[in-house]
C-alpha cells in the first residue's frame, strides 16, 4: 500500500518542525503526516477505537485519536478517503531504531487489518441477514483490530464484571506502573505495555491490588507468569497458525480466562475471524432479536457454543467481525447489558466483553 506524506500544523508550536523522518521528541503540533488510502466504508476510527476492542486510544482532539502501538505513540485522523497518521518517537535511542515510512505503513495496516475488504463482507452479511443489513446502514467501517496477543489477553482479563471507561483507566495505571516510558505529549506521559517479566514478578499481584485491580490482580499476574514460564510470548503469537479450537483450549487453561475472554483474544489477536465472543449482551441479542431458543436464564457453556455456532452458520467464516458490528451498534445506542455491575456514562463507558454474570 502506497502512502502519502505532507506537513500539517495543529496550532502554535514550541519549536521549529524537525527534518523529514520520524521525530525523536514529540511536539504539540506534529509537522509530518503520512496517509494511506482508506474510505470510511472500510474504517471508522471513532467506532472501532471506542467500542471495547482496545483500551489504549483516546480522542486527543476532535477527529484525532492518539494511542500506543508497537511501543510508539501514534495519532490517527481520517479525512475523506485517506487515513492520516503521525508517529512520535521515544528519545534518541528509540529514534536511532525508528522504522521508516514503509514499515510504519505496514504496522498500521496490520493493526487495522486493511487487507480485509470490509465493504464486501458487509454486503455478504446483509444478504444473509436482514437484521444485520438494517443495523449496518448506520454503522459502516467497523472492523476487527489485530492486536499484540499478550496485551490483548491481559487487557481482556481485566474486563470481567467491568465497563469500558473503568477498564481503560485500569490499563493506563497498569502501563504507568509497570511499562517503559515512551515519551510525553502535551504533558501526558505515554508508556509501553508491560513486559511479561514485569507482571510475573513476586510483588506484581500486590502492586496490582494497590492499583485497584481487585481479584483480577491474581489472574493478571498469574497468567503473565504462566506464559513467561510456559509457551512464552512467541508461543502465544504462534497460536495464530493453530486451529481455532486448539488456540481456545490453550487460552482457557490460563488463570482467569474463560470462554468469552478466550474468544475475544482469538478474534482480536490470533486471527480467528470465526470466533464469536459471547457475553450476556450477545446472549440477549441472540434470544431477543434472532429468536434463539436457549434453555435457562443464564449463559451456560452449552449456550455459548450454540450461539457461536448459530452466528457462524449465519454469517460465515468472518462471523466474529459481523458480531463486532452489532456489538458496536448496541453500545452506541445505549443498550446496556442487563446484569452488568458497571453502569456506564456515555458510549465509551458502556459495558465491555467480560466474564460477568448474566
Protein backbone atom coordinates (compact mmCIF):
# COMPACT_ATOMS: atom_id res chain seq x y z
CA UNK A 1 0.00 0.00 0.00
CA UNK A 2 1.50 3.33 -1.03
CA UNK A 3 1.34 6.16 1.46
CA UNK A 4 1.40 9.93 1.03
CA UNK A 5 3.28 12.45 3.12
CA UNK A 6 2.56 16.06 3.96
CA UNK A 7 3.34 18.73 6.52
CA UNK A 8 0.44 19.83 8.65
CA UNK A 9 0.12 22.20 11.56
CA UNK A 10 -2.20 21.81 14.54
CA UNK A 11 -1.84 25.04 16.47
CA UNK A 12 1.19 27.00 17.75
CA UNK A 13 4.45 25.04 18.07
CA UNK A 14 7.05 25.48 20.73
CA UNK A 15 9.91 24.63 18.36
CA UNK A 16 10.55 24.57 14.61
CA UNK A 17 9.48 21.43 12.76
CA UNK A 18 12.08 18.65 12.65
CA UNK A 19 13.62 17.39 9.43
CA UNK A 20 11.81 14.65 7.47
CA UNK A 21 11.64 11.29 9.20
CA UNK A 22 10.26 10.04 12.49
CA UNK A 23 10.85 12.52 15.27
CA UNK A 24 12.93 11.78 18.35
CA UNK A 25 10.83 14.08 20.53
CA UNK A 26 7.10 14.79 20.49
CA UNK A 27 5.55 18.18 19.90
CA UNK A 28 2.09 19.62 20.29
CA UNK A 29 1.77 20.09 16.53
CA UNK A 30 3.23 17.22 14.51
CA UNK A 31 4.72 18.56 11.30
CA UNK A 32 4.85 15.33 9.34
CA UNK A 33 1.86 13.21 8.47
CA UNK A 34 1.59 10.16 6.27
CA UNK A 35 -1.58 8.99 4.51
CA UNK A 36 -2.95 5.62 3.49
CA UNK A 37 -5.93 5.27 1.13
CA UNK A 38 -8.87 4.18 3.27
CA UNK A 39 -12.53 5.10 2.61
CA UNK A 40 -14.90 5.30 5.56
CA UNK A 41 -16.79 2.27 4.29
CA UNK A 42 -13.63 0.36 5.20
CA UNK A 43 -12.85 2.09 8.51
CA UNK A 44 -14.49 4.38 11.03
CA UNK A 45 -11.91 5.23 13.67
CA UNK A 46 -14.50 6.73 16.01
CA UNK A 47 -16.46 3.47 16.07
CA UNK A 48 -13.58 1.00 16.14
CA UNK A 49 -11.33 2.62 18.75
CA UNK A 50 -14.06 3.37 21.28
CA UNK A 51 -16.11 0.17 21.27
CA UNK A 52 -14.19 -2.06 23.66
CA UNK A 53 -11.76 -3.82 21.35
CA UNK A 54 -8.77 -1.88 22.65
CA UNK A 55 -8.33 0.33 25.70
CA UNK A 56 -5.27 2.46 24.85
CA UNK A 57 -6.66 5.03 22.39
CA UNK A 58 -8.32 8.35 23.21
CA UNK A 59 -9.76 11.16 21.15
CA UNK A 60 -6.99 13.70 21.70
CA UNK A 61 -8.75 16.37 19.61
CA UNK A 62 -11.93 16.29 17.51
CA UNK A 63 -11.48 13.51 14.97
CA UNK A 64 -7.92 12.68 16.06
CA UNK A 65 -7.11 9.52 18.00
CA UNK A 66 -3.86 9.03 19.92
CA UNK A 67 -2.59 5.77 21.35
CA UNK A 68 0.30 3.36 21.72
CA UNK A 69 1.07 0.78 19.05
CA UNK A 70 4.30 -1.17 18.64
CA UNK A 71 5.94 0.73 21.53
CA UNK A 72 5.43 4.05 19.78
CA UNK A 73 2.83 6.77 20.15
CA UNK A 74 0.62 7.40 17.13
CA UNK A 75 -2.06 9.92 16.20
CA UNK A 76 -4.59 8.90 13.55
CA UNK A 77 -7.09 11.03 11.66
CA UNK A 78 -9.48 10.35 8.80
CA UNK A 79 -10.18 12.91 6.10
CA UNK A 80 -12.23 11.92 3.10
CA UNK A 81 -10.78 8.81 1.51
CA UNK A 82 -7.49 8.96 3.43
CA UNK A 83 -6.26 7.78 6.81
CA UNK A 84 -3.58 10.19 8.05
CA UNK A 85 -1.11 9.26 10.77
CA UNK A 86 1.94 10.59 12.56
CA UNK A 87 4.32 8.73 14.87
CA UNK A 88 6.08 10.14 17.90
CA UNK A 89 9.48 8.87 18.98
CA UNK A 90 10.71 7.85 22.40
CA UNK A 91 14.07 9.59 22.78
CA UNK A 92 17.36 9.46 20.91
CA UNK A 93 17.91 5.71 21.31
CA UNK A 94 14.44 4.93 20.02
CA UNK A 95 14.86 7.40 17.16
CA UNK A 96 18.00 5.62 16.03
CA UNK A 97 15.97 2.42 15.60
CA UNK A 98 12.87 4.14 14.25
CA UNK A 99 11.15 2.34 11.37
CA UNK A 100 10.84 4.05 8.01
CA UNK A 101 7.60 5.03 6.34
CA UNK A 102 7.22 1.68 4.60
CA UNK A 103 7.45 -0.10 7.95
CA UNK A 104 5.02 2.25 9.72
CA UNK A 105 2.58 1.77 6.83
CA UNK A 106 2.89 -1.97 7.36
CA UNK A 107 2.46 -1.76 11.15
CA UNK A 108 -0.68 0.36 10.91
CA UNK A 109 -2.17 -1.66 8.06
CA UNK A 110 -1.58 -4.86 10.02
CA UNK A 111 -3.14 -3.43 13.20
CA UNK A 112 -6.24 -2.30 11.29
CA UNK A 113 -6.24 -5.39 9.01
CA UNK A 114 -6.67 -3.17 5.99
CA UNK A 115 -6.06 -6.14 3.70
CA UNK A 116 -9.56 -7.39 4.59
CA UNK A 117 -12.18 -5.90 2.27
CA UNK A 118 -14.86 -4.81 4.73
CA UNK A 119 -17.42 -3.40 2.28
CA UNK A 120 -17.70 -6.76 0.54
CA UNK A 121 -18.19 -8.53 3.86
CA UNK A 122 -20.96 -6.08 4.81
CA UNK A 123 -22.74 -6.87 1.56
CA UNK A 124 -22.46 -10.62 2.14
CA UNK A 125 -23.65 -10.38 5.76
CA UNK A 126 -26.54 -8.11 4.74
CA UNK A 127 -27.63 -10.51 2.02
CA UNK A 128 -27.70 -13.36 4.52
CA UNK A 129 -29.20 -11.42 7.43
CA UNK A 130 -31.86 -8.68 7.06
CA UNK A 131 -31.37 -7.61 10.68
CA UNK A 132 -27.68 -7.03 10.10
CA UNK A 133 -28.46 -5.09 6.91
CA UNK A 134 -30.77 -2.78 8.83
CA UNK A 135 -28.27 -2.08 11.63
CA UNK A 136 -25.24 -1.78 9.37
CA UNK A 137 -26.61 1.23 7.47
CA UNK A 138 -25.73 3.46 10.41
CA UNK A 139 -22.51 1.70 11.39
CA UNK A 140 -20.17 1.33 8.42
CA UNK A 141 -16.46 0.72 8.78
CA UNK A 142 -16.48 -1.37 11.96
CA UNK A 143 -13.55 -3.73 11.58
CA UNK A 144 -11.70 -6.01 13.98
CA UNK A 145 -8.24 -4.97 15.12
CA UNK A 146 -5.21 -7.29 15.06
CA UNK A 147 -3.57 -6.69 18.41
CA UNK A 148 -0.50 -7.95 20.21
CA UNK A 149 -1.59 -11.26 21.80
CA UNK A 150 -0.05 -10.61 25.24
CA UNK A 151 -1.51 -7.13 25.53
CA UNK A 152 -4.90 -8.28 24.27
CA UNK A 153 -5.04 -11.26 26.63
CA UNK A 154 -4.03 -9.41 29.79
CA UNK A 155 -6.29 -6.48 28.93
CA UNK A 156 -9.34 -8.68 28.46
CA UNK A 157 -8.74 -10.45 31.76
CA UNK A 158 -9.46 -7.01 33.24
CA UNK A 159 -12.88 -6.85 31.55
CA UNK A 160 -14.54 -9.25 33.98
CA UNK A 161 -17.56 -7.51 35.58
CA UNK A 162 -16.34 -4.20 34.25
CA UNK A 163 -17.09 -1.42 31.77
CA UNK A 164 -15.02 0.31 29.12
CA UNK A 165 -14.20 3.57 30.88
CA UNK A 166 -13.04 1.75 34.02
CA UNK A 167 -11.06 -0.84 32.04
CA UNK A 168 -9.34 1.97 30.14
CA UNK A 169 -8.31 3.63 33.41
CA UNK A 170 -7.05 0.32 34.80
CA UNK A 171 -4.90 -0.39 31.75
CA UNK A 172 -3.49 3.13 31.93
CA UNK A 173 -2.47 2.60 35.57
CA UNK A 174 -1.01 -0.79 34.66
CA UNK A 175 1.17 0.69 31.93
CA UNK A 176 2.33 3.63 34.03
CA UNK A 177 3.28 1.37 36.93
CA UNK A 178 4.94 -1.48 35.01
CA UNK A 179 5.63 -0.27 31.45
CA UNK A 180 8.60 1.54 29.92
CA UNK A 181 8.04 5.25 29.45
CA UNK A 182 7.98 6.20 25.77
CA UNK A 183 7.50 9.96 25.69
CA UNK A 184 5.45 12.85 26.98
CA UNK A 185 2.94 14.50 24.67
CA UNK A 186 1.31 17.75 25.74
CA UNK A 187 2.11 16.97 29.41
CA UNK A 188 0.66 13.47 29.14
CA UNK A 189 3.12 10.59 29.62
CA UNK A 190 2.85 7.51 27.42
CA UNK A 191 4.13 4.07 28.36
CA UNK A 192 4.59 0.77 26.57
CA UNK A 193 2.50 -2.18 27.64
CA UNK A 194 4.43 -4.02 30.39
CA UNK A 195 6.72 -6.92 29.63
CA UNK A 196 5.65 -10.33 30.89
CA UNK A 197 8.60 -10.38 33.28
CA UNK A 198 7.38 -7.19 34.96
CA UNK A 199 3.90 -8.60 35.58
CA UNK A 200 5.17 -12.04 36.62
CA UNK A 201 7.29 -10.74 39.50
CA UNK A 202 6.75 -11.85 43.08
CA UNK A 203 5.26 -8.49 44.11
CA UNK A 204 3.18 -7.94 40.96
CA UNK A 205 -0.11 -9.16 42.42
CA UNK A 206 0.18 -6.95 45.50
CA UNK A 207 1.08 -3.93 43.38
CA UNK A 208 -1.88 -4.58 41.07
CA UNK A 209 -4.23 -4.80 44.04
CA UNK A 210 -2.91 -1.47 45.24
CA UNK A 211 -3.75 -0.08 41.80
CA UNK A 212 -7.37 -1.13 42.19
CA UNK A 213 -7.41 -4.38 40.19
CA UNK A 214 -9.09 -6.35 42.98
CA UNK A 215 -9.46 -10.08 42.35
CA UNK A 216 -8.27 -9.55 38.77
CA UNK A 217 -4.75 -8.88 40.10
CA UNK A 218 -4.26 -12.59 40.79
CA UNK A 219 -5.34 -13.52 37.28
CA UNK A 220 -3.24 -10.87 35.50
CA UNK A 221 -0.05 -11.77 37.37
CA UNK A 222 -0.84 -15.49 37.27
CA UNK A 223 -1.41 -15.52 33.52
CA UNK A 224 1.71 -13.41 32.91
CA UNK A 225 3.71 -15.91 34.96
CA UNK A 226 2.15 -18.92 33.24
CA UNK A 227 3.01 -17.55 29.81
CA UNK A 228 6.52 -16.46 30.82
CA UNK A 229 7.27 -19.89 32.30
CA UNK A 230 5.43 -21.83 29.59
CA UNK A 231 4.86 -21.14 25.93
CA UNK A 232 6.26 -17.60 26.10
CA UNK A 233 5.13 -14.53 24.17
CA UNK A 234 6.27 -16.03 20.87
CA UNK A 235 4.45 -19.28 21.60
CA UNK A 236 1.29 -17.30 22.27
CA UNK A 237 1.77 -15.48 18.97
CA UNK A 238 2.26 -18.80 17.16
CA UNK A 239 -1.30 -19.72 18.10
CA UNK A 240 -2.25 -17.57 15.12
CA UNK A 241 -1.33 -20.56 12.99
CA UNK A 242 -3.19 -23.08 15.18
CA UNK A 243 -6.80 -24.14 14.61
CA UNK A 244 -9.39 -22.07 16.44
CA UNK A 245 -10.37 -24.90 18.81
CA UNK A 246 -6.75 -25.50 19.79
CA UNK A 247 -5.99 -21.82 20.42
CA UNK A 248 -9.15 -21.51 22.51
CA UNK A 249 -8.25 -24.59 24.56
CA UNK A 250 -4.77 -23.25 25.34
CA UNK A 251 -6.15 -19.88 26.40
CA UNK A 252 -8.85 -21.36 28.62
CA UNK A 253 -6.15 -23.22 30.60
CA UNK A 254 -4.70 -19.89 31.79
CA UNK A 255 -5.72 -18.27 35.12
CA UNK A 256 -8.82 -16.11 34.84
CA UNK A 257 -9.53 -16.95 31.19
CA UNK A 258 -12.98 -18.25 30.38
CA UNK A 259 -14.63 -18.92 27.04
CA UNK A 260 -15.59 -15.30 26.45
CA UNK A 261 -12.15 -13.83 27.12
CA UNK A 262 -10.58 -16.63 25.06
CA UNK A 263 -12.86 -15.83 22.12
CA UNK A 264 -12.05 -12.11 22.36
CA UNK A 265 -8.33 -12.90 22.18
CA UNK A 266 -8.84 -15.43 19.39
CA UNK A 267 -10.77 -12.84 17.36
CA UNK A 268 -8.75 -9.70 18.10
CA UNK A 269 -5.21 -11.06 18.36
CA UNK A 270 -4.96 -14.60 16.98
CA UNK A 271 -6.53 -14.32 13.51
CA UNK A 272 -9.61 -16.43 14.33
CA UNK A 273 -12.22 -14.45 12.43
CA UNK A 274 -14.80 -17.15 13.17
CA UNK A 275 -14.54 -16.64 16.93
CA UNK A 276 -17.73 -15.06 18.33
CA UNK A 277 -17.27 -13.63 21.83
CA UNK A 278 -20.49 -14.28 23.74
CA UNK A 279 -21.25 -12.28 26.86
CA UNK A 280 -24.64 -11.57 28.38
CA UNK A 281 -25.05 -8.76 25.84
CA UNK A 282 -24.67 -11.08 22.84
CA UNK A 283 -26.70 -13.76 24.64
CA UNK A 284 -29.64 -11.34 24.79
CA UNK A 285 -29.21 -10.33 21.14
CA UNK A 286 -29.38 -14.00 20.16
CA UNK A 287 -32.51 -14.60 22.24
CA UNK A 288 -34.45 -11.41 21.65
CA UNK A 289 -33.51 -10.44 18.10
CA UNK A 290 -32.74 -13.76 16.48
CA UNK A 291 -35.26 -15.87 18.38
CA UNK A 292 -32.80 -18.50 19.57
CA UNK A 293 -34.42 -20.94 21.97
CA UNK A 294 -31.75 -21.16 24.67
CA UNK A 295 -32.65 -23.13 27.76
CA UNK A 296 -32.37 -21.48 31.13
CA UNK A 297 -31.85 -17.90 32.19
CA UNK A 298 -28.07 -17.84 32.21
CA UNK A 299 -25.17 -18.04 29.79
CA UNK A 300 -24.02 -21.64 30.12
CA UNK A 301 -21.08 -23.23 28.22
CA UNK A 302 -23.61 -25.04 26.07
CA UNK A 303 -25.44 -21.80 25.23
CA UNK A 304 -22.11 -20.14 24.45
CA UNK A 305 -21.31 -22.85 21.91
CA UNK A 306 -24.81 -22.83 20.42
CA UNK A 307 -24.77 -19.06 19.93
CA UNK A 308 -21.34 -19.13 18.34
CA UNK A 309 -22.35 -21.96 16.01
CA UNK A 310 -25.57 -20.15 15.08
CA UNK A 311 -23.80 -16.96 14.07
CA UNK A 312 -21.04 -18.85 12.26
CA UNK A 313 -23.75 -20.60 10.25
CA UNK A 314 -25.48 -17.30 9.53
CA UNK A 315 -22.51 -15.03 8.79
CA UNK A 316 -19.82 -17.45 7.64
CA UNK A 317 -16.07 -17.52 8.30
CA UNK A 318 -15.88 -13.88 9.43
CA UNK A 319 -18.73 -14.24 11.92
CA UNK A 320 -16.74 -12.55 14.68
CA UNK A 321 -16.38 -9.43 12.55
CA UNK A 322 -20.12 -9.26 11.92
CA UNK A 323 -20.81 -9.67 15.63
CA UNK A 324 -18.47 -6.74 16.31
CA UNK A 325 -20.73 -4.51 14.18
CA UNK A 326 -23.86 -5.40 16.16
CA UNK A 327 -21.98 -5.06 19.45
CA UNK A 328 -20.74 -1.61 18.48
CA UNK A 329 -24.21 -0.56 17.34
CA UNK A 330 -25.77 -1.52 20.66
CA UNK A 331 -23.08 0.33 22.60
CA UNK A 332 -23.74 3.47 20.59
CA UNK A 333 -27.49 3.16 21.02
CA UNK A 334 -27.10 2.93 24.76
CA UNK A 335 -28.38 -0.59 25.28
CA UNK A 336 -26.52 -1.64 28.43
CA UNK A 337 -26.36 -5.38 29.16
CA UNK A 338 -28.76 -6.18 31.97
CA UNK A 339 -26.95 -7.58 34.96
CA UNK A 340 -23.75 -5.63 34.34
CA UNK A 341 -22.27 -4.37 37.58
CA UNK A 342 -20.76 -1.29 35.96
CA UNK A 343 -23.19 1.36 34.85
CA UNK A 344 -21.69 3.36 32.04
CA UNK A 345 -21.58 7.08 31.38
CA UNK A 346 -21.67 7.66 27.64
CA UNK A 347 -20.80 5.39 24.75
CA UNK A 348 -17.20 4.87 25.85
CA UNK A 349 -18.35 3.84 29.31
CA UNK A 350 -20.67 1.08 28.20
CA UNK A 351 -20.04 -2.47 29.33
CA UNK A 352 -17.34 -4.37 27.51
CA UNK A 353 -16.95 -8.04 26.72
CA UNK A 354 -16.19 -9.72 30.01
CA UNK A 355 -17.00 -12.74 32.09
CA UNK A 356 -19.66 -11.05 34.16
CA UNK A 357 -22.70 -12.99 35.30
CA UNK A 358 -25.88 -12.71 33.25
